[in-house]
C-alpha cells in the first residue's frame, strides 16, 4: 500500500451477516471484537497515513424467507463509532446463530440489495469517502425471486443479477450509495447452488470475493483479516 500523510477519511460500513447456525464461529468473532473494531481500524489506517475522521457501521442479518418470513432480513440503523460502540455491540450480540434459517442456500442477494439501498452518508470536509459492504457467509445465495410469494418477501426486490447490478451502479438517483466511493467485499464459499454463486457478482465494479472451500466455512477469518480487507478498500 502507498503511504499518505493525514488524509481525512469518512467511512460507512455495512456488515451483511448470514445468521444461520454454521456461522457461529465468525459471528462469535464479530461479537468479541465489536467494541474494539473502531480503534483497530483507526490504527491500521493511521499506519498507512490516513486519519479516520468519521466511521459508521450498520448490521444486516439474514437467512431464508421460506423459514423465517418477514424476519428473514433484520437491518439496524447506522451506528456512529466510537460514540455508539455499546449500541453496536448490543446489536451484534442480538444475533443468535442456529435459532433461525433452514437448509442452505439463503437469501444473500436480497440482503445485499438491502445494504445497497441503505441510508449512506457523504459529508463534505473529508478528503476521502468510502461506502463499504462486507458480506460474511458460508452458503451460496438463492436466485433472486426464488422466495417471491413467501410471507414477508419485499415487493421491491430486483428480479435478476442485472437489476441488482443496476442498483449497485446507482442508476436509481434515490440510492444514497456513492458510485465513486462504493466497495464490496464478500467472504464466502466457492459452492454453486441452483446455478447461482457469489461469483455471479464478478461484473460488479469494486468487488472482491474472498473464497473459502465448501465445508470449511469461514475457518480462520478473524478481526485482523477483516480489517486488512477493509483497509485495502480505503486506499485503492
Protein backbone atom coordinates (compact mmCIF):
# COMPACT_ATOMS: atom_id res chain seq x y z
CA UNK A 1 0.00 0.00 0.00
CA UNK A 2 1.12 3.53 -0.71
CA UNK A 3 1.82 5.89 2.16
CA UNK A 4 -0.11 9.13 2.62
CA UNK A 5 0.04 11.88 5.19
CA UNK A 6 -3.04 12.64 7.24
CA UNK A 7 -5.71 12.05 4.59
CA UNK A 8 -9.02 12.71 6.36
CA UNK A 9 -11.38 9.82 5.72
CA UNK A 10 -15.11 9.22 6.15
CA UNK A 11 -16.18 5.57 6.17
CA UNK A 12 -19.63 3.96 6.17
CA UNK A 13 -19.54 0.15 6.55
CA UNK A 14 -22.43 -2.31 6.36
CA UNK A 15 -21.87 -5.82 7.71
CA UNK A 16 -24.15 -8.31 5.94
CA UNK A 17 -24.11 -11.46 8.09
CA UNK A 18 -25.53 -14.90 7.38
CA UNK A 19 -27.21 -15.67 10.73
CA UNK A 20 -27.59 -19.44 10.38
CA UNK A 21 -26.08 -21.99 12.75
CA UNK A 22 -22.96 -22.85 10.78
CA UNK A 23 -21.89 -19.21 11.04
CA UNK A 24 -21.40 -19.39 14.81
CA UNK A 25 -17.56 -19.05 14.76
CA UNK A 26 -17.44 -15.86 12.68
CA UNK A 27 -20.40 -14.29 14.47
CA UNK A 28 -18.68 -15.00 17.77
CA UNK A 29 -15.55 -13.31 16.36
CA UNK A 30 -17.55 -10.25 15.31
CA UNK A 31 -19.19 -10.11 18.73
CA UNK A 32 -15.86 -10.45 20.52
CA UNK A 33 -14.29 -7.61 18.58
CA UNK A 34 -17.27 -5.25 18.25
CA UNK A 35 -16.13 -2.72 20.84
CA UNK A 36 -12.54 -2.72 19.61
CA UNK A 37 -13.26 -2.60 15.89
CA UNK A 38 -13.15 1.19 15.54
CA UNK A 39 -9.79 1.55 17.27
CA UNK A 40 -8.20 -1.36 15.38
CA UNK A 41 -9.32 0.04 12.01
CA UNK A 42 -8.27 3.55 13.05
CA UNK A 43 -4.79 2.31 13.98
CA UNK A 44 -4.50 0.34 10.73
CA UNK A 45 -5.39 3.35 8.62
CA UNK A 46 -3.10 5.59 10.65
CA UNK A 47 -0.20 3.24 9.92
CA UNK A 48 -0.63 3.95 6.20
CA UNK A 49 -1.18 7.69 6.62
CA UNK A 50 -4.97 8.02 6.87
CA UNK A 51 -6.90 9.92 9.55
CA UNK A 52 -10.27 8.25 10.15
CA UNK A 53 -12.35 11.28 10.87
CA UNK A 54 -15.75 9.57 10.80
CA UNK A 55 -16.92 5.96 10.91
CA UNK A 56 -20.42 4.47 10.87
CA UNK A 57 -21.36 0.79 10.90
CA UNK A 58 -24.66 -0.92 10.12
CA UNK A 59 -25.55 -4.59 10.63
CA UNK A 60 -27.84 -6.69 8.42
CA UNK A 61 -28.55 -10.28 9.49
CA UNK A 62 -30.20 -12.62 7.02
CA UNK A 63 -31.34 -16.20 6.44
CA UNK A 64 -34.24 -17.63 4.36
CA UNK A 65 -37.70 -16.17 3.72
CA UNK A 66 -39.08 -19.71 3.34
CA UNK A 67 -38.46 -20.47 7.02
CA UNK A 68 -38.45 -17.01 8.62
CA UNK A 69 -40.92 -14.93 6.61
CA UNK A 70 -40.69 -11.20 7.29
CA UNK A 71 -37.96 -11.85 9.89
CA UNK A 72 -35.58 -13.24 7.24
CA UNK A 73 -33.72 -9.93 6.96
CA UNK A 74 -33.08 -7.82 10.05
CA UNK A 75 -31.38 -4.46 9.45
CA UNK A 76 -30.15 -1.96 12.01
CA UNK A 77 -29.58 1.75 11.57
CA UNK A 78 -26.03 3.03 11.18
CA UNK A 79 -24.08 3.38 14.44
CA UNK A 80 -21.57 6.22 14.86
CA UNK A 81 -18.29 4.85 16.22
CA UNK A 82 -16.81 5.13 18.75
CA UNK A 83 -19.72 7.09 20.27
CA UNK A 84 -22.23 4.26 19.82
CA UNK A 85 -19.91 1.29 20.35
CA UNK A 86 -22.11 -0.10 23.12
CA UNK A 87 -25.21 0.04 20.91
CA UNK A 88 -23.29 -1.60 18.06
CA UNK A 89 -22.13 -4.41 20.33
CA UNK A 90 -25.66 -4.93 21.65
CA UNK A 91 -26.94 -5.18 18.07
CA UNK A 92 -24.36 -7.81 17.11
CA UNK A 93 -24.96 -9.70 20.35
CA UNK A 94 -28.61 -9.93 19.32
CA UNK A 95 -27.63 -12.32 16.52
CA UNK A 96 -28.02 -15.86 17.86
CA UNK A 97 -26.93 -18.31 15.12
CA UNK A 98 -28.67 -21.64 14.98
CA UNK A 99 -32.07 -20.32 16.04
CA UNK A 100 -33.13 -19.23 12.52
CA UNK A 101 -32.92 -20.40 8.94
CA UNK A 102 -33.33 -23.76 7.22
CA UNK A 103 -31.10 -25.63 4.82
CA UNK A 104 -28.67 -23.87 2.51
CA UNK A 105 -28.79 -21.69 0.42
CA UNK A 106 -30.03 -18.37 1.91
CA UNK A 107 -31.40 -15.02 0.67
CA UNK A 108 -27.98 -13.39 0.43
CA UNK A 109 -28.66 -11.33 -2.70
CA UNK A 110 -31.77 -9.81 -1.11
CA UNK A 111 -29.71 -8.91 1.95
CA UNK A 112 -27.09 -7.32 -0.32
CA UNK A 113 -29.79 -5.24 -2.02
CA UNK A 114 -30.98 -4.12 1.43
CA UNK A 115 -27.43 -2.95 2.14
CA UNK A 116 -27.07 -1.16 -1.19
CA UNK A 117 -30.26 0.83 -0.64
CA UNK A 118 -29.36 1.90 2.90
CA UNK A 119 -29.02 5.37 4.40
CA UNK A 120 -25.44 6.10 3.32
CA UNK A 121 -23.80 9.45 4.09
CA UNK A 122 -21.42 11.60 2.06
CA UNK A 123 -20.22 14.52 4.18
CA UNK A 124 -18.26 17.48 2.83
CA UNK A 125 -15.00 18.31 4.53
CA UNK A 126 -13.33 14.90 4.16
CA UNK A 127 -10.65 14.21 1.56
CA UNK A 128 -11.69 10.59 1.03
CA UNK A 129 -15.01 8.77 1.35
CA UNK A 130 -15.80 5.07 1.34
CA UNK A 131 -19.12 3.24 1.31
CA UNK A 132 -18.20 -0.38 2.07
CA UNK A 133 -20.35 -3.51 2.20
CA UNK A 134 -18.80 -6.61 3.77
CA UNK A 135 -20.67 -9.93 3.44
CA UNK A 136 -19.94 -12.91 5.73
CA UNK A 137 -21.47 -16.24 4.70
CA UNK A 138 -20.69 -19.92 4.29
CA UNK A 139 -23.62 -20.59 1.92
CA UNK A 140 -24.37 -19.87 -1.72
CA UNK A 141 -27.13 -17.30 -2.32
CA UNK A 142 -30.56 -18.22 -3.58
CA UNK A 143 -31.54 -16.94 -7.03
CA UNK A 144 -33.32 -13.60 -6.80
CA UNK A 145 -37.10 -14.00 -6.51
CA UNK A 146 -36.74 -17.71 -5.63
CA UNK A 147 -38.72 -16.92 -2.47
CA UNK A 148 -41.12 -14.44 -4.11
CA UNK A 149 -44.55 -15.21 -2.70
CA UNK A 150 -43.23 -16.21 0.72
CA UNK A 151 -44.59 -14.26 3.67
CA UNK A 152 -42.64 -11.03 4.12
CA UNK A 153 -40.78 -11.11 0.80
CA UNK A 154 -40.46 -7.42 -0.22
CA UNK A 155 -42.12 -6.25 -3.43
CA UNK A 156 -39.18 -4.03 -4.39
CA UNK A 157 -36.51 -6.74 -4.70
CA UNK A 158 -34.62 -6.94 -8.02
CA UNK A 159 -35.55 -9.91 -10.18
CA UNK A 160 -32.12 -10.59 -11.69
CA UNK A 161 -28.38 -10.04 -11.24
CA UNK A 162 -28.60 -7.32 -13.90
CA UNK A 163 -31.17 -5.45 -11.83
CA UNK A 164 -29.07 -5.93 -8.70
CA UNK A 165 -26.07 -4.54 -10.57
CA UNK A 166 -28.13 -1.54 -11.71
CA UNK A 167 -28.74 -0.76 -8.04
CA UNK A 168 -25.03 -1.21 -7.27
CA UNK A 169 -24.24 1.16 -10.15
CA UNK A 170 -26.57 3.75 -8.59
CA UNK A 171 -28.73 4.05 -11.71
CA UNK A 172 -31.64 4.95 -9.41
CA UNK A 173 -30.93 8.50 -8.25
CA UNK A 174 -32.75 7.85 -4.97
CA UNK A 175 -30.00 5.43 -3.87
CA UNK A 176 -27.63 7.18 -1.46
CA UNK A 177 -24.71 4.82 -2.11
CA UNK A 178 -21.94 6.83 -3.78
CA UNK A 179 -20.80 5.34 -7.09
CA UNK A 180 -17.24 6.66 -6.75
CA UNK A 181 -16.82 5.50 -3.16
CA UNK A 182 -18.56 2.12 -3.15
CA UNK A 183 -16.70 -1.09 -2.40
CA UNK A 184 -17.98 -4.66 -1.91
CA UNK A 185 -16.11 -7.46 -0.13
CA UNK A 186 -17.62 -10.95 0.17
CA UNK A 187 -16.16 -13.60 2.47
CA UNK A 188 -17.97 -16.61 1.07
CA UNK A 189 -17.85 -20.16 -0.32
CA UNK A 190 -16.96 -21.33 -3.79
CA UNK A 191 -20.04 -23.56 -3.96
CA UNK A 192 -22.70 -23.18 -6.64
CA UNK A 193 -26.34 -23.92 -5.84
CA UNK A 194 -29.23 -23.71 -8.34
CA UNK A 195 -26.63 -22.44 -10.85
CA UNK A 196 -26.02 -19.42 -8.59
CA UNK A 197 -22.93 -18.36 -6.62
CA UNK A 198 -21.36 -15.25 -5.14
CA UNK A 199 -19.00 -15.18 -8.12
CA UNK A 200 -22.03 -14.11 -10.19
CA UNK A 201 -21.21 -10.63 -8.92
CA UNK A 202 -17.92 -10.68 -10.83
CA UNK A 203 -19.04 -7.94 -13.22
CA UNK A 204 -19.66 -5.52 -10.34
CA UNK A 205 -17.15 -2.67 -10.13
CA UNK A 206 -15.02 -2.54 -6.97
CA UNK A 207 -15.91 -6.10 -5.93
CA UNK A 208 -13.62 -8.52 -4.10
CA UNK A 209 -14.57 -12.10 -3.19
CA UNK A 210 -12.50 -13.97 -0.62
CA UNK A 211 -13.33 -17.61 -1.43
CA UNK A 212 -13.47 -20.36 1.17
CA UNK A 213 -13.65 -24.05 0.35
CA UNK A 214 -17.02 -25.73 0.77
CA UNK A 215 -17.36 -27.40 4.15
CA UNK A 216 -14.69 -25.28 5.82
CA UNK A 217 -16.97 -22.32 6.47
CA UNK A 218 -15.10 -19.17 7.44
CA UNK A 219 -12.45 -21.01 9.41
CA UNK A 220 -9.51 -18.74 10.12
CA UNK A 221 -11.36 -15.49 9.49
CA UNK A 222 -10.72 -13.03 12.30
CA UNK A 223 -10.64 -9.32 13.04
CA UNK A 224 -7.16 -8.83 11.54
CA UNK A 225 -8.27 -10.34 8.21
CA UNK A 226 -11.45 -8.24 8.19
CA UNK A 227 -9.62 -5.00 8.98
CA UNK A 228 -6.93 -5.73 6.38
CA UNK A 229 -9.53 -6.16 3.65
CA UNK A 230 -11.44 -3.04 4.69
CA UNK A 231 -8.20 -1.03 4.79
CA UNK A 232 -7.43 -2.17 1.23
CA UNK A 233 -10.77 -0.79 0.05
CA UNK A 234 -9.94 2.59 1.59
CA UNK A 235 -6.60 3.10 -0.14
CA UNK A 236 -7.39 1.58 -3.55
